[in-house]
Amino acid sequence: MRRLTAGLACAAAAALITPTAAAAYADADRPETKQAAPQATAKNAKKSKSTTPDPVAAVGGRLAAGAGVTYRSATTVQGTVVATTSATFRLDRSGLAASDVTSRLTVKAAALGEDAGLAVKPERTIKIGDVTYLNSPLLRKNLPTDRPLVEENGPEAALLTDPLTSGRAWIETRNGPVAGALGVFGQLVNPAEPGTLKALLATTKSTRSGVVLDGAKTTVYRGTVTIGRLHKVSPWLRATLPLKSAPKAANTAIDWALYVGKDGLPRRIVTSWSPAALGLGSQKFTVDSRFTSWAANVRVKPPADDQIVRVDPRHLTTASPLGR
């Protein structure tokens, strides 16, 4: 775990040596720069809310309808893209019913040390109910090979080095990391969760209407919330960043800006926070996520059974960069 954490920490620092511009994510739109019009007072912000759709109710309506949403995301450090994410969510009345997340580090492989060849490969994570499927070369390398894993397709428990399991690309486990080993480099705040939205909007400091995003007018809410506060209400965050192994992260502040369409649905969220409490460097991560579709029908399929090796969740504690 320590070896993997060190490799990922290099990715956070790699922005300082990899001059790739992040022009698509302008500084003016980031929560920490706020170069737009003067901020509204808290009193005016409340008045503005009453004339715009309620995002919590709007997202709740999509859950009730069993809809879904897709989004793409880019994470930058000092203006340089270090990671990208694309995802599809299927929703139901209970919340996030299924998800399909693909993540990639976009830094120079040389910055990642011995795990360079694995860390730069795309990582895909599918979660359906409480079952998680991970296609993660980086995570797989750090699973133990000296003791049996849970392999339900064979007569006995098998090692990852056995012929039965070595050719299978997917790891199946229960309640695994919803966005894989690289999830902490992606979006921690999931506005597809009504409880998360409610907690987020309760920390609103300013509201601005009429902001054009992709040709459509939106209302932008801005504020600051702690990871600990969101952790209490967000299944997504709990499955991405386990505070049990990083308790100091609970006090970390997230600056956020939420763009809401005329239908009340989130169109974009930009967050900025320091991963110092996780041992991933002191430079802030800025994560810009665009919601491209709130579709009526979204399907998330599991991998083929002959491509899966079933792993006891306890083994992921030593394989994950943050533990579980």
C-alpha atoms as a PDB file:
ATOM      1  CA  MET A   1       0.000   0.000   0.000  1.00  0.00           C
ATOM      2  CA  ARG A   2       2.820   2.417   0.857  1.00  0.00           C
ATOM      3  CA  ARG A   3       4.499   1.742  -2.480  1.00  0.00           C
ATOM      4  CA  LEU A   4       1.304   2.447  -4.378  1.00  0.00           C
ATOM      5  CA  THR A   5       0.587   5.600  -2.368  1.00  0.00           C
ATOM      6  CA  ALA A   6       4.045   6.937  -3.131  1.00  0.00           C
ATOM      7  CA  GLY A   7       3.531   6.336  -6.830  1.00  0.00           C
ATOM      8  CA  LEU A   8       0.210   8.144  -6.855  1.00  0.00           C
ATOM      9  CA  ALA A   9       1.673  11.010  -4.850  1.00  0.00           C
ATOM     10  CA  CYS A  10       4.139  11.518  -7.679  1.00  0.00           C
ATOM     11  CA  ALA A  11       1.197  12.078 -10.003  1.00  0.00           C
ATOM     12  CA  ALA A  12       0.032  15.003  -7.905  1.00  0.00           C
ATOM     13  CA  ALA A  13       3.471  16.571  -8.120  1.00  0.00           C
ATOM     14  CA  ALA A  14       3.916  15.778 -11.804  1.00  0.00           C
ATOM     15  CA  ALA A  15       1.955  18.854 -12.835  1.00  0.00           C
ATOM     16  CA  LEU A  16       4.999  20.880 -11.840  1.00  0.00           C
ATOM     17  CA  ILE A  17       7.154  19.112 -14.446  1.00  0.00           C
ATOM     18  CA  THR A  18       4.614  18.361 -17.198  1.00  0.00           C
ATOM     19  CA  PRO A  19       3.664  21.554 -19.094  1.00  0.00           C
ATOM     20  CA  THR A  20       0.306  20.433 -20.538  1.00  0.00           C
ATOM     21  CA  ALA A  21      -2.121  23.346 -20.691  1.00  0.00           C
ATOM     22  CA  ALA A  22      -5.645  22.972 -19.341  1.00  0.00           C
ATOM     23  CA  ALA A  23      -7.224  25.693 -21.458  1.00  0.00           C
ATOM     24  CA  ALA A  24     -10.634  24.029 -21.490  1.00  0.00           C
ATOM     25  CA  TYR A  25     -11.049  24.744 -17.791  1.00  0.00           C
ATOM     26  CA  ALA A  26     -10.666  28.495 -17.420  1.00  0.00           C
ATOM     27  CA  ASP A  27      -9.476  30.048 -14.152  1.00  0.00           C
ATOM     28  CA  ALA A  28     -12.485  32.345 -14.108  1.00  0.00           C
ATOM     29  CA  ASP A  29     -14.765  29.371 -13.557  1.00  0.00           C
ATOM     30  CA  ARG A  30     -12.855  27.873 -10.631  1.00  0.00           C
ATOM     31  CA  PRO A  31     -14.186  28.309  -7.106  1.00  0.00           C
ATOM     32  CA  GLU A  32     -10.901  29.627  -5.763  1.00  0.00           C
ATOM     33  CA  THR A  33     -10.496  32.443  -8.314  1.00  0.00           C
ATOM     34  CA  LYS A  34     -14.050  33.811  -8.744  1.00  0.00           C
ATOM     35  CA  GLN A  35     -13.341  36.558 -11.261  1.00  0.00           C
ATOM     36  CA  ALA A  36     -16.984  37.126 -12.129  1.00  0.00           C
ATOM     37  CA  ALA A  37     -19.411  39.728 -10.773  1.00  0.00           C
ATOM     38  CA  PRO A  38     -19.373  40.700  -7.061  1.00  0.00           C
ATOM     39  CA  GLN A  39     -20.669  37.984  -4.784  1.00  0.00           C
ATOM     40  CA  ALA A  40     -24.225  38.123  -3.584  1.00  0.00           C
ATOM     41  CA  THR A  41     -24.868  38.511   0.117  1.00  0.00           C
ATOM     42  CA  ALA A  42     -26.356  35.576   1.990  1.00  0.00           C
ATOM     43  CA  LYS A  43     -29.680  37.434   2.114  1.00  0.00           C
ATOM     44  CA  ASN A  44     -29.703  38.013  -1.634  1.00  0.00           C
ATOM     45  CA  ALA A  45     -28.643  34.427  -2.252  1.00  0.00           C
ATOM     46  CA  LYS A  46     -31.737  33.190  -0.447  1.00  0.00           C
ATOM     47  CA  LYS A  47     -33.951  35.427  -2.557  1.00  0.00           C
ATOM     48  CA  SER A  48     -32.301  34.106  -5.720  1.00  0.00           C
ATOM     49  CA  LYS A  49     -32.984  30.515  -4.703  1.00  0.00           C
ATOM     50  CA  SER A  50     -36.708  31.128  -4.482  1.00  0.00           C
ATOM     51  CA  THR A  51     -36.880  32.107  -8.175  1.00  0.00           C
ATOM     52  CA  THR A  52     -34.928  29.126  -9.512  1.00  0.00           C
ATOM     53  CA  PRO A  53     -35.778  25.403  -9.597  1.00  0.00           C
ATOM     54  CA  ASP A  54     -34.880  23.403  -6.497  1.00  0.00           C
ATOM     55  CA  PRO A  55     -31.926  21.164  -7.473  1.00  0.00           C
ATOM     56  CA  VAL A  56     -32.643  18.680  -4.666  1.00  0.00           C
ATOM     57  CA  ALA A  57     -36.227  18.179  -5.854  1.00  0.00           C
ATOM     58  CA  ALA A  58     -35.140  18.022  -9.499  1.00  0.00           C
ATOM     59  CA  VAL A  59     -32.561  15.300  -8.883  1.00  0.00           C
ATOM     60  CA  GLY A  60     -34.999  13.468  -6.614  1.00  0.00           C
ATOM     61  CA  GLY A  61     -37.447  13.436  -9.507  1.00  0.00           C
ATOM     62  CA  ARG A  62     -34.888  11.812 -11.782  1.00  0.00           C
ATOM     63  CA  LEU A  63     -34.234   9.147  -9.152  1.00  0.00           C
ATOM     64  CA  ALA A  64     -37.946   8.435  -8.885  1.00  0.00           C
ATOM     65  CA  ALA A  65     -38.126   8.092 -12.665  1.00  0.00           C
ATOM     66  CA  GLY A  66     -35.250   5.618 -12.709  1.00  0.00           C
ATOM     67  CA  ALA A  67     -33.223   7.844 -15.011  1.00  0.00           C
ATOM     68  CA  GLY A  68     -29.490   8.112 -15.444  1.00  0.00           C
ATOM     69  CA  VAL A  69     -26.737  10.621 -16.117  1.00  0.00           C
ATOM     70  CA  THR A  70     -23.384  10.711 -17.856  1.00  0.00           C
ATOM     71  CA  TYR A  71     -20.501  13.036 -17.126  1.00  0.00           C
ATOM     72  CA  ARG A  72     -16.884  13.763 -17.977  1.00  0.00           C
ATOM     73  CA  SER A  73     -14.347  15.250 -15.647  1.00  0.00           C
ATOM     74  CA  ALA A  74     -10.810  16.670 -15.642  1.00  0.00           C
ATOM     75  CA  THR A  75      -8.581  17.160 -12.613  1.00  0.00           C
ATOM     76  CA  THR A  76      -5.929  19.863 -12.741  1.00  0.00           C
ATOM     77  CA  VAL A  77      -3.026  20.895 -10.521  1.00  0.00           C
ATOM     78  CA  GLN A  78      -1.823  24.452 -11.110  1.00  0.00           C
ATOM     79  CA  GLY A  79      -3.587  24.507 -14.483  1.00  0.00           C
ATOM     80  CA  THR A  80      -2.205  21.178 -15.710  1.00  0.00           C
ATOM     81  CA  VAL A  81      -4.484  18.192 -16.287  1.00  0.00           C
ATOM     82  CA  VAL A  82      -3.319  15.224 -14.175  1.00  0.00           C
ATOM     83  CA  ALA A  83      -6.356  12.932 -14.486  1.00  0.00           C
ATOM     84  CA  THR A  84      -9.553  12.482 -16.494  1.00  0.00           C
ATOM     85  CA  THR A  85     -12.755  10.610 -15.737  1.00  0.00           C
ATOM     86  CA  SER A  86     -15.850   9.625 -17.686  1.00  0.00           C
ATOM     87  CA  ALA A  87     -18.831   7.934 -16.089  1.00  0.00           C
ATOM     88  CA  THR A  88     -22.394   6.752 -16.495  1.00  0.00           C
ATOM     89  CA  PHE A  89     -24.823   6.458 -13.586  1.00  0.00           C
ATOM     90  CA  ARG A  90     -28.103   4.545 -13.405  1.00  0.00           C
ATOM     91  CA  LEU A  91     -30.400   5.927 -10.730  1.00  0.00           C
ATOM     92  CA  ASP A  92     -33.349   4.552  -8.786  1.00  0.00           C
ATOM     93  CA  ARG A  93     -35.367   5.615  -5.752  1.00  0.00           C
ATOM     94  CA  SER A  94     -32.620   4.477  -3.384  1.00  0.00           C
ATOM     95  CA  GLY A  95     -29.944   6.550  -5.130  1.00  0.00           C
ATOM     96  CA  LEU A  96     -27.091   5.340  -7.310  1.00  0.00           C
ATOM     97  CA  ALA A  97     -28.151   1.884  -8.483  1.00  0.00           C
ATOM     98  CA  ALA A  98     -25.247   1.284 -10.860  1.00  0.00           C
ATOM     99  CA  SER A  99     -22.218   3.082 -12.238  1.00  0.00           C
ATOM    100  CA  ASP A 100     -19.553   2.651 -14.896  1.00  0.00           C
ATOM    101  CA  VAL A 101     -16.462   4.823 -14.321  1.00  0.00           C
ATOM    102  CA  THR A 102     -13.307   5.056 -16.438  1.00  0.00           C
ATOM    103  CA  SER A 103     -10.319   6.968 -15.023  1.00  0.00           C
ATOM    104  CA  ARG A 104      -6.880   7.754 -16.388  1.00  0.00           C
ATOM    105  CA  LEU A 105      -3.804   9.565 -15.091  1.00  0.00           C
ATOM    106  CA  THR A 106      -2.459  11.942 -17.747  1.00  0.00           C
ATOM    107  CA  VAL A 107       0.989  12.703 -16.336  1.00  0.00           C
ATOM    108  CA  LYS A 108       4.347  11.516 -17.636  1.00  0.00           C
ATOM    109  CA  ALA A 109       4.926   7.850 -16.848  1.00  0.00           C
ATOM    110  CA  ALA A 110       8.405   8.625 -15.552  1.00  0.00           C
ATOM    111  CA  ALA A 111       6.869  10.505 -12.622  1.00  0.00           C
ATOM    112  CA  LEU A 112       5.148   7.362 -11.344  1.00  0.00           C
ATOM    113  CA  GLY A 113       8.224   5.287 -10.576  1.00  0.00           C
ATOM    114  CA  GLU A 114       8.035   1.506 -10.646  1.00  0.00           C
ATOM    115  CA  ASP A 115       4.270   1.430 -11.289  1.00  0.00           C
ATOM    116  CA  ALA A 116       4.491   3.783 -14.286  1.00  0.00           C
ATOM    117  CA  GLY A 117       3.418   1.272 -16.924  1.00  0.00           C
ATOM    118  CA  LEU A 118       0.348   0.286 -14.930  1.00  0.00           C
ATOM    119  CA  ALA A 119      -0.734   3.678 -13.575  1.00  0.00           C
ATOM    120  CA  VAL A 120      -0.987   5.324 -16.997  1.00  0.00           C
ATOM    121  CA  LYS A 121      -3.352   2.634 -18.269  1.00  0.00           C
ATOM    122  CA  PRO A 122      -7.098   3.395 -18.111  1.00  0.00           C
ATOM    123  CA  GLU A 123      -8.860   2.013 -15.056  1.00  0.00           C
ATOM    124  CA  ARG A 124     -12.506   0.968 -15.314  1.00  0.00           C
ATOM    125  CA  THR A 125     -14.840   0.329 -12.393  1.00  0.00           C
ATOM    126  CA  ILE A 126     -18.389  -1.013 -12.659  1.00  0.00           C
ATOM    127  CA  LYS A 127     -20.647  -1.111  -9.628  1.00  0.00           C
ATOM    128  CA  ILE A 128     -24.087  -2.733  -9.614  1.00  0.00           C
ATOM    129  CA  GLY A 129     -25.808  -2.697  -6.244  1.00  0.00           C
ATOM    130  CA  ASP A 130     -23.166  -3.665  -3.695  1.00  0.00           C
ATOM    131  CA  VAL A 131     -21.041  -5.607  -6.187  1.00  0.00           C
ATOM    132  CA  THR A 132     -17.964  -3.877  -7.601  1.00  0.00           C
ATOM    133  CA  TYR A 133     -16.026  -4.948 -10.690  1.00  0.00           C
ATOM    134  CA  LEU A 134     -12.547  -3.463 -11.125  1.00  0.00           C
ATOM    135  CA  ASN A 135     -10.385  -3.587 -14.227  1.00  0.00           C
ATOM    136  CA  SER A 136      -7.355  -1.944 -12.667  1.00  0.00           C
ATOM    137  CA  PRO A 137      -3.843  -3.159 -13.547  1.00  0.00           C
ATOM    138  CA  LEU A 138      -2.455  -0.949 -10.781  1.00  0.00           C
ATOM    139  CA  LEU A 139      -4.787  -2.328  -8.104  1.00  0.00           C
ATOM    140  CA  ARG A 140      -4.365  -5.896  -9.278  1.00  0.00           C
ATOM    141  CA  LYS A 141      -0.578  -5.703  -9.009  1.00  0.00           C
ATOM    142  CA  ASN A 142      -0.858  -4.769  -5.346  1.00  0.00           C
ATOM    143  CA  LEU A 143      -3.233  -7.584  -4.394  1.00  0.00           C
ATOM    144  CA  PRO A 144      -1.597 -10.319  -2.323  1.00  0.00           C
ATOM    145  CA  THR A 145      -0.366 -13.342  -4.249  1.00  0.00           C
ATOM    146  CA  ASP A 146       0.785 -15.343  -1.238  1.00  0.00           C
ATOM    147  CA  ARG A 147      -2.628 -16.382   0.045  1.00  0.00           C
ATOM    148  CA  PRO A 148      -5.876 -17.622  -1.522  1.00  0.00           C
ATOM    149  CA  LEU A 149      -8.534 -15.235  -2.751  1.00  0.00           C
ATOM    150  CA  VAL A 150     -12.222 -16.024  -2.971  1.00  0.00           C
ATOM    151  CA  GLU A 151     -12.707 -17.769  -6.318  1.00  0.00           C
ATOM    152  CA  GLU A 152     -16.241 -19.032  -6.624  1.00  0.00           C
ATOM    153  CA  ASN A 153     -15.833 -20.463 -10.127  1.00  0.00           C
ATOM    154  CA  GLY A 154     -13.286 -23.046  -9.005  1.00  0.00           C
ATOM    155  CA  PRO A 155     -13.559 -25.959  -6.592  1.00  0.00           C
ATOM    156  CA  GLU A 156     -11.060 -24.320  -4.253  1.00  0.00           C
ATOM    157  CA  ALA A 157      -9.834 -20.860  -3.404  1.00  0.00           C
ATOM    158  CA  ALA A 158      -7.229 -19.758  -5.932  1.00  0.00           C
ATOM    159  CA  LEU A 159      -4.179 -17.531  -6.033  1.00  0.00           C
ATOM    160  CA  LEU A 160      -3.969 -14.676  -8.549  1.00  0.00           C
ATOM    161  CA  THR A 161      -0.933 -16.428 -10.001  1.00  0.00           C
ATOM    162  CA  ASP A 162      -2.909 -19.595 -10.780  1.00  0.00           C
ATOM    163  CA  PRO A 163      -3.710 -20.284 -14.468  1.00  0.00           C
ATOM    164  CA  LEU A 164      -7.412 -20.167 -13.632  1.00  0.00           C
ATOM    165  CA  THR A 165      -7.278 -16.528 -12.562  1.00  0.00           C
ATOM    166  CA  SER A 166      -4.200 -14.952 -14.145  1.00  0.00           C
ATOM    167  CA  GLY A 167      -5.893 -14.358 -17.500  1.00  0.00           C
ATOM    168  CA  ARG A 168      -8.967 -12.641 -16.074  1.00  0.00           C
ATOM    169  CA  ALA A 169      -9.019  -8.867 -16.357  1.00  0.00           C
ATOM    170  CA  TRP A 170     -11.731  -8.092 -13.795  1.00  0.00           C
ATOM    171  CA  ILE A 171     -11.755  -8.280 -10.005  1.00  0.00           C
ATOM    172  CA  GLU A 172     -15.166  -8.728  -8.390  1.00  0.00           C
ATOM    173  CA  THR A 173     -15.712  -7.781  -4.760  1.00  0.00           C
ATOM    174  CA  ARG A 174     -18.380  -6.476  -2.404  1.00  0.00           C
ATOM    175  CA  ASN A 175     -18.698  -2.757  -1.638  1.00  0.00           C
ATOM    176  CA  GLY A 176     -15.431  -1.906  -3.344  1.00  0.00           C
ATOM    177  CA  PRO A 177     -14.224   1.586  -4.314  1.00  0.00           C
ATOM    178  CA  VAL A 178     -16.918   3.028  -6.577  1.00  0.00           C
ATOM    179  CA  ALA A 179     -14.383   4.839  -8.766  1.00  0.00           C
ATOM    180  CA  GLY A 180     -11.461   2.459  -8.386  1.00  0.00           C
ATOM    181  CA  ALA A 181      -7.955   3.040  -7.071  1.00  0.00           C
ATOM    182  CA  LEU A 182      -7.774   6.363  -8.930  1.00  0.00           C
ATOM    183  CA  GLY A 183     -11.096   7.644  -7.573  1.00  0.00           C
ATOM    184  CA  VAL A 184      -9.460  10.132  -5.214  1.00  0.00           C
ATOM    185  CA  PHE A 185      -8.072  11.913  -8.288  1.00  0.00           C
ATOM    186  CA  GLY A 186     -11.603  12.377  -9.622  1.00  0.00           C
ATOM    187  CA  GLN A 187     -14.732  14.160  -8.417  1.00  0.00           C
ATOM    188  CA  LEU A 188     -15.416  13.675  -4.700  1.00  0.00           C
ATOM    189  CA  VAL A 189     -18.749  15.533  -4.804  1.00  0.00           C
ATOM    190  CA  ASN A 190     -21.593  13.706  -6.547  1.00  0.00           C
ATOM    191  CA  PRO A 191     -24.565  16.014  -7.268  1.00  0.00           C
ATOM    192  CA  ALA A 192     -26.614  13.036  -8.458  1.00  0.00           C
ATOM    193  CA  GLU A 193     -27.201  12.298  -4.751  1.00  0.00           C
ATOM    194  CA  PRO A 194     -30.039  14.429  -3.281  1.00  0.00           C
ATOM    195  CA  GLY A 195     -28.543  14.185   0.219  1.00  0.00           C
ATOM    196  CA  THR A 196     -25.214  15.456  -1.057  1.00  0.00           C
ATOM    197  CA  LEU A 197     -26.912  18.299  -2.909  1.00  0.00           C
ATOM    198  CA  LYS A 198     -28.848  19.310   0.188  1.00  0.00           C
ATOM    199  CA  ALA A 199     -25.702  19.376   2.343  1.00  0.00           C
ATOM    200  CA  LEU A 200     -23.805  21.229  -0.358  1.00  0.00           C
ATOM    201  CA  LEU A 201     -26.422  23.923  -0.906  1.00  0.00           C
ATOM    202  CA  ALA A 202     -26.690  24.464   2.850  1.00  0.00           C
ATOM    203  CA  THR A 203     -23.160  25.908   2.656  1.00  0.00           C
ATOM    204  CA  THR A 204     -23.939  28.301  -0.227  1.00  0.00           C
ATOM    205  CA  LYS A 205     -22.158  31.653   0.070  1.00  0.00           C
ATOM    206  CA  SER A 206     -23.315  33.241  -3.189  1.00  0.00           C
ATOM    207  CA  THR A 207     -25.719  32.672  -6.057  1.00  0.00           C
ATOM    208  CA  ARG A 208     -25.541  34.120  -9.553  1.00  0.00           C
ATOM    209  CA  SER A 209     -28.180  33.694 -12.270  1.00  0.00           C
ATOM    210  CA  GLY A 210     -27.849  33.969 -16.042  1.00  0.00           C
ATOM    211  CA  VAL A 211     -24.402  32.375 -16.377  1.00  0.00           C
ATOM    212  CA  VAL A 212     -24.171  30.851 -19.870  1.00  0.00           C
ATOM    213  CA  LEU A 213     -22.814  27.294 -20.050  1.00  0.00           C
ATOM    214  CA  ASP A 214     -22.666  25.492 -23.393  1.00  0.00           C
ATOM    215  CA  GLY A 215     -25.109  28.006 -24.841  1.00  0.00           C
ATOM    216  CA  ALA A 216     -27.703  27.707 -22.065  1.00  0.00           C
ATOM    217  CA  LYS A 217     -28.337  29.915 -19.050  1.00  0.00           C
ATOM    218  CA  THR A 218     -27.598  28.451 -15.641  1.00  0.00           C
ATOM    219  CA  THR A 219     -27.665  29.493 -12.008  1.00  0.00           C
ATOM    220  CA  VAL A 220     -24.318  29.161 -10.228  1.00  0.00           C
ATOM    221  CA  TYR A 221     -24.158  28.397  -6.510  1.00  0.00           C
ATOM    222  CA  ARG A 222     -20.807  28.770  -4.727  1.00  0.00           C
ATOM    223  CA  GLY A 223     -19.698  27.748  -1.268  1.00  0.00           C
ATOM    224  CA  THR A 224     -17.325  25.759   0.911  1.00  0.00           C
ATOM    225  CA  VAL A 225     -17.959  22.446   2.669  1.00  0.00           C
ATOM    226  CA  THR A 226     -15.749  20.016   4.572  1.00  0.00           C
ATOM    227  CA  ILE A 227     -15.085  16.456   3.499  1.00  0.00           C
ATOM    228  CA  GLY A 228     -16.299  15.276   6.906  1.00  0.00           C
ATOM    229  CA  ARG A 229     -19.678  16.948   6.479  1.00  0.00           C
ATOM    230  CA  LEU A 230     -20.235  15.413   3.045  1.00  0.00           C
ATOM    231  CA  HIS A 231     -18.927  12.049   4.214  1.00  0.00           C
ATOM    232  CA  LYS A 232     -21.913  11.720   6.546  1.00  0.00           C
ATOM    233  CA  VAL A 233     -24.468  11.987   3.726  1.00  0.00           C
ATOM    234  CA  SER A 234     -22.681  10.796   0.569  1.00  0.00           C
ATOM    235  CA  PRO A 235     -22.377   7.071  -0.253  1.00  0.00           C
ATOM    236  CA  TRP A 236     -20.247   8.087  -3.249  1.00  0.00           C
ATOM    237  CA  LEU A 237     -17.694   9.885  -1.092  1.00  0.00           C
ATOM    238  CA  ARG A 238     -17.608   7.124   1.527  1.00  0.00           C
ATOM    239  CA  ALA A 239     -16.863   4.587  -1.221  1.00  0.00           C
ATOM    240  CA  THR A 240     -14.165   6.817  -2.730  1.00  0.00           C
ATOM    241  CA  LEU A 241     -12.333   8.215   0.291  1.00  0.00           C
ATOM    242  CA  PRO A 242     -12.502   6.061   3.450  1.00  0.00           C
ATOM    243  CA  LEU A 243     -11.905   8.368   6.415  1.00  0.00           C
ATOM    244  CA  LYS A 244     -11.038   5.419   8.632  1.00  0.00           C
ATOM    245  CA  SER A 245      -7.629   5.283   6.949  1.00  0.00           C
ATOM    246  CA  ALA A 246      -7.298   9.079   6.552  1.00  0.00           C
ATOM    247  CA  PRO A 247      -9.174  10.687   9.496  1.00  0.00           C
ATOM    248  CA  LYS A 248      -7.447  14.072   9.149  1.00  0.00           C
ATOM    249  CA  ALA A 249      -9.073  14.510   5.742  1.00  0.00           C
ATOM    250  CA  ALA A 250     -12.420  15.123   7.467  1.00  0.00           C
ATOM    251  CA  ASN A 251     -11.366  18.705   8.192  1.00  0.00           C
ATOM    252  CA  THR A 252     -10.291  19.399   4.614  1.00  0.00           C
ATOM    253  CA  ALA A 253     -12.353  22.153   2.987  1.00  0.00           C
ATOM    254  CA  ILE A 254     -13.783  21.785  -0.512  1.00  0.00           C
ATOM    255  CA  ASP A 255     -14.501  25.013  -2.400  1.00  0.00           C
ATOM    256  CA  TRP A 256     -17.279  24.338  -4.878  1.00  0.00           C
ATOM    257  CA  ALA A 257     -19.287  25.905  -7.694  1.00  0.00           C
ATOM    258  CA  LEU A 258     -22.470  24.192  -8.907  1.00  0.00           C
ATOM    259  CA  TYR A 259     -24.062  25.126 -12.252  1.00  0.00           C
ATOM    260  CA  VAL A 260     -27.789  24.325 -12.401  1.00  0.00           C
ATOM    261  CA  GLY A 261     -29.935  24.400 -15.537  1.00  0.00           C
ATOM    262  CA  LYS A 262     -33.398  25.885 -15.894  1.00  0.00           C
ATOM    263  CA  ASP A 263     -34.835  22.446 -15.075  1.00  0.00           C
ATOM    264  CA  GLY A 264     -32.980  22.422 -11.747  1.00  0.00           C
ATOM    265  CA  LEU A 265     -30.597  19.637 -12.780  1.00  0.00           C
ATOM    266  CA  PRO A 266     -26.826  19.984 -12.265  1.00  0.00           C
ATOM    267  CA  ARG A 267     -24.916  20.727 -15.477  1.00  0.00           C
ATOM    268  CA  ARG A 268     -21.471  21.280 -14.031  1.00  0.00           C
ATOM    269  CA  ILE A 269     -19.651  21.164 -10.721  1.00  0.00           C
ATOM    270  CA  VAL A 270     -16.151  22.511 -10.067  1.00  0.00           C
ATOM    271  CA  THR A 271     -14.429  21.633  -6.800  1.00  0.00           C
ATOM    272  CA  SER A 272     -11.042  22.559  -5.353  1.00  0.00           C
ATOM    273  CA  TRP A 273      -9.351  20.947  -2.357  1.00  0.00           C
ATOM    274  CA  SER A 274      -5.942  20.035  -0.950  1.00  0.00           C
ATOM    275  CA  PRO A 275      -5.040  16.319  -0.698  1.00  0.00           C
ATOM    276  CA  ALA A 276      -2.303  17.009   1.867  1.00  0.00           C
ATOM    277  CA  ALA A 277      -4.128  15.005   4.560  1.00  0.00           C
ATOM    278  CA  LEU A 278      -3.982  11.977   2.251  1.00  0.00           C
ATOM    279  CA  GLY A 279      -0.248  12.241   1.695  1.00  0.00           C
ATOM    280  CA  LEU A 280      -0.739  13.162  -1.969  1.00  0.00           C
ATOM    281  CA  GLY A 281       1.040  16.517  -1.934  1.00  0.00           C
ATOM    282  CA  SER A 282       0.014  20.026  -0.920  1.00  0.00           C
ATOM    283  CA  GLN A 283      -0.968  21.416  -4.329  1.00  0.00           C
ATOM    284  CA  LYS A 284      -4.731  21.789  -4.695  1.00  0.00           C
ATOM    285  CA  PHE A 285      -6.738  19.524  -6.968  1.00  0.00           C
ATOM    286  CA  THR A 286      -9.307  21.360  -9.088  1.00  0.00           C
ATOM    287  CA  VAL A 287     -11.904  18.970 -10.511  1.00  0.00           C
ATOM    288  CA  ASP A 288     -14.247  20.152 -13.264  1.00  0.00           C
ATOM    289  CA  SER A 289     -17.151  17.802 -14.057  1.00  0.00           C
ATOM    290  CA  ARG A 290     -19.658  18.373 -16.891  1.00  0.00           C
ATOM    291  CA  PHE A 291     -22.970  16.526 -16.923  1.00  0.00           C
ATOM    292  CA  THR A 292     -23.720  15.862 -20.572  1.00  0.00           C
ATOM    293  CA  SER A 293     -26.992  13.951 -20.348  1.00  0.00           C
ATOM    294  CA  TRP A 294     -29.766  13.173 -17.890  1.00  0.00           C
ATOM    295  CA  ALA A 295     -31.111  10.270 -19.948  1.00  0.00           C
ATOM    296  CA  ALA A 296     -34.281   8.276 -19.437  1.00  0.00           C
ATOM    297  CA  ASN A 297     -32.708   4.872 -20.066  1.00  0.00           C
ATOM    298  CA  VAL A 298     -29.211   3.948 -18.938  1.00  0.00           C
ATOM    299  CA  ARG A 299     -27.870   0.382 -18.855  1.00  0.00           C
ATOM    300  CA  VAL A 300     -24.828  -0.732 -16.901  1.00  0.00           C
ATOM    301  CA  LYS A 301     -23.726  -4.305 -17.598  1.00  0.00           C
ATOM    302  CA  PRO A 302     -21.341  -6.493 -15.599  1.00  0.00           C
ATOM    303  CA  PRO A 303     -18.271  -8.059 -17.249  1.00  0.00           C
ATOM    304  CA  ALA A 304     -18.482 -11.558 -18.684  1.00  0.00           C
ATOM    305  CA  ASP A 305     -18.265 -14.183 -15.964  1.00  0.00           C
ATOM    306  CA  ASP A 306     -15.237 -15.871 -17.531  1.00  0.00           C
ATOM    307  CA  GLN A 307     -13.311 -12.584 -17.181  1.00  0.00           C
ATOM    308  CA  ILE A 308     -13.891 -12.255 -13.424  1.00  0.00           C
ATOM    309  CA  VAL A 309     -11.904 -13.357 -10.392  1.00  0.00           C
ATOM    310  CA  ARG A 310     -13.813 -12.961  -7.134  1.00  0.00           C
ATOM    311  CA  VAL A 311     -11.814 -11.393  -4.326  1.00  0.00           C
ATOM    312  CA  ASP A 312     -12.505 -11.116  -0.611  1.00  0.00           C
ATOM    313  CA  PRO A 313     -12.984  -7.367   0.158  1.00  0.00           C
ATOM    314  CA  ARG A 314     -10.421  -7.610   2.966  1.00  0.00           C
ATOM    315  CA  HIS A 315      -7.656  -8.066   0.408  1.00  0.00           C
ATOM    316  CA  LEU A 316      -8.378  -4.637  -1.061  1.00  0.00           C
ATOM    317  CA  THR A 317      -7.168  -3.022   2.168  1.00  0.00           C
ATOM    318  CA  THR A 318      -3.582  -3.785   1.238  1.00  0.00           C
ATOM    319  CA  ALA A 319      -4.092  -3.041  -2.452  1.00  0.00           C
ATOM    320  CA  SER A 320      -5.821   0.340  -2.235  1.00  0.00           C
ATOM    321  CA  PRO A 321      -3.686   3.494  -1.933  1.00  0.00           C
ATOM    322  CA  LEU A 322      -5.871   4.677   0.956  1.00  0.00           C
ATOM    323  CA  GLY A 323      -7.034   1.402   2.465  1.00  0.00           C
ATOM    324  CA  ARG A 324     -10.728   0.727   3.056  1.00  0.00           C
END
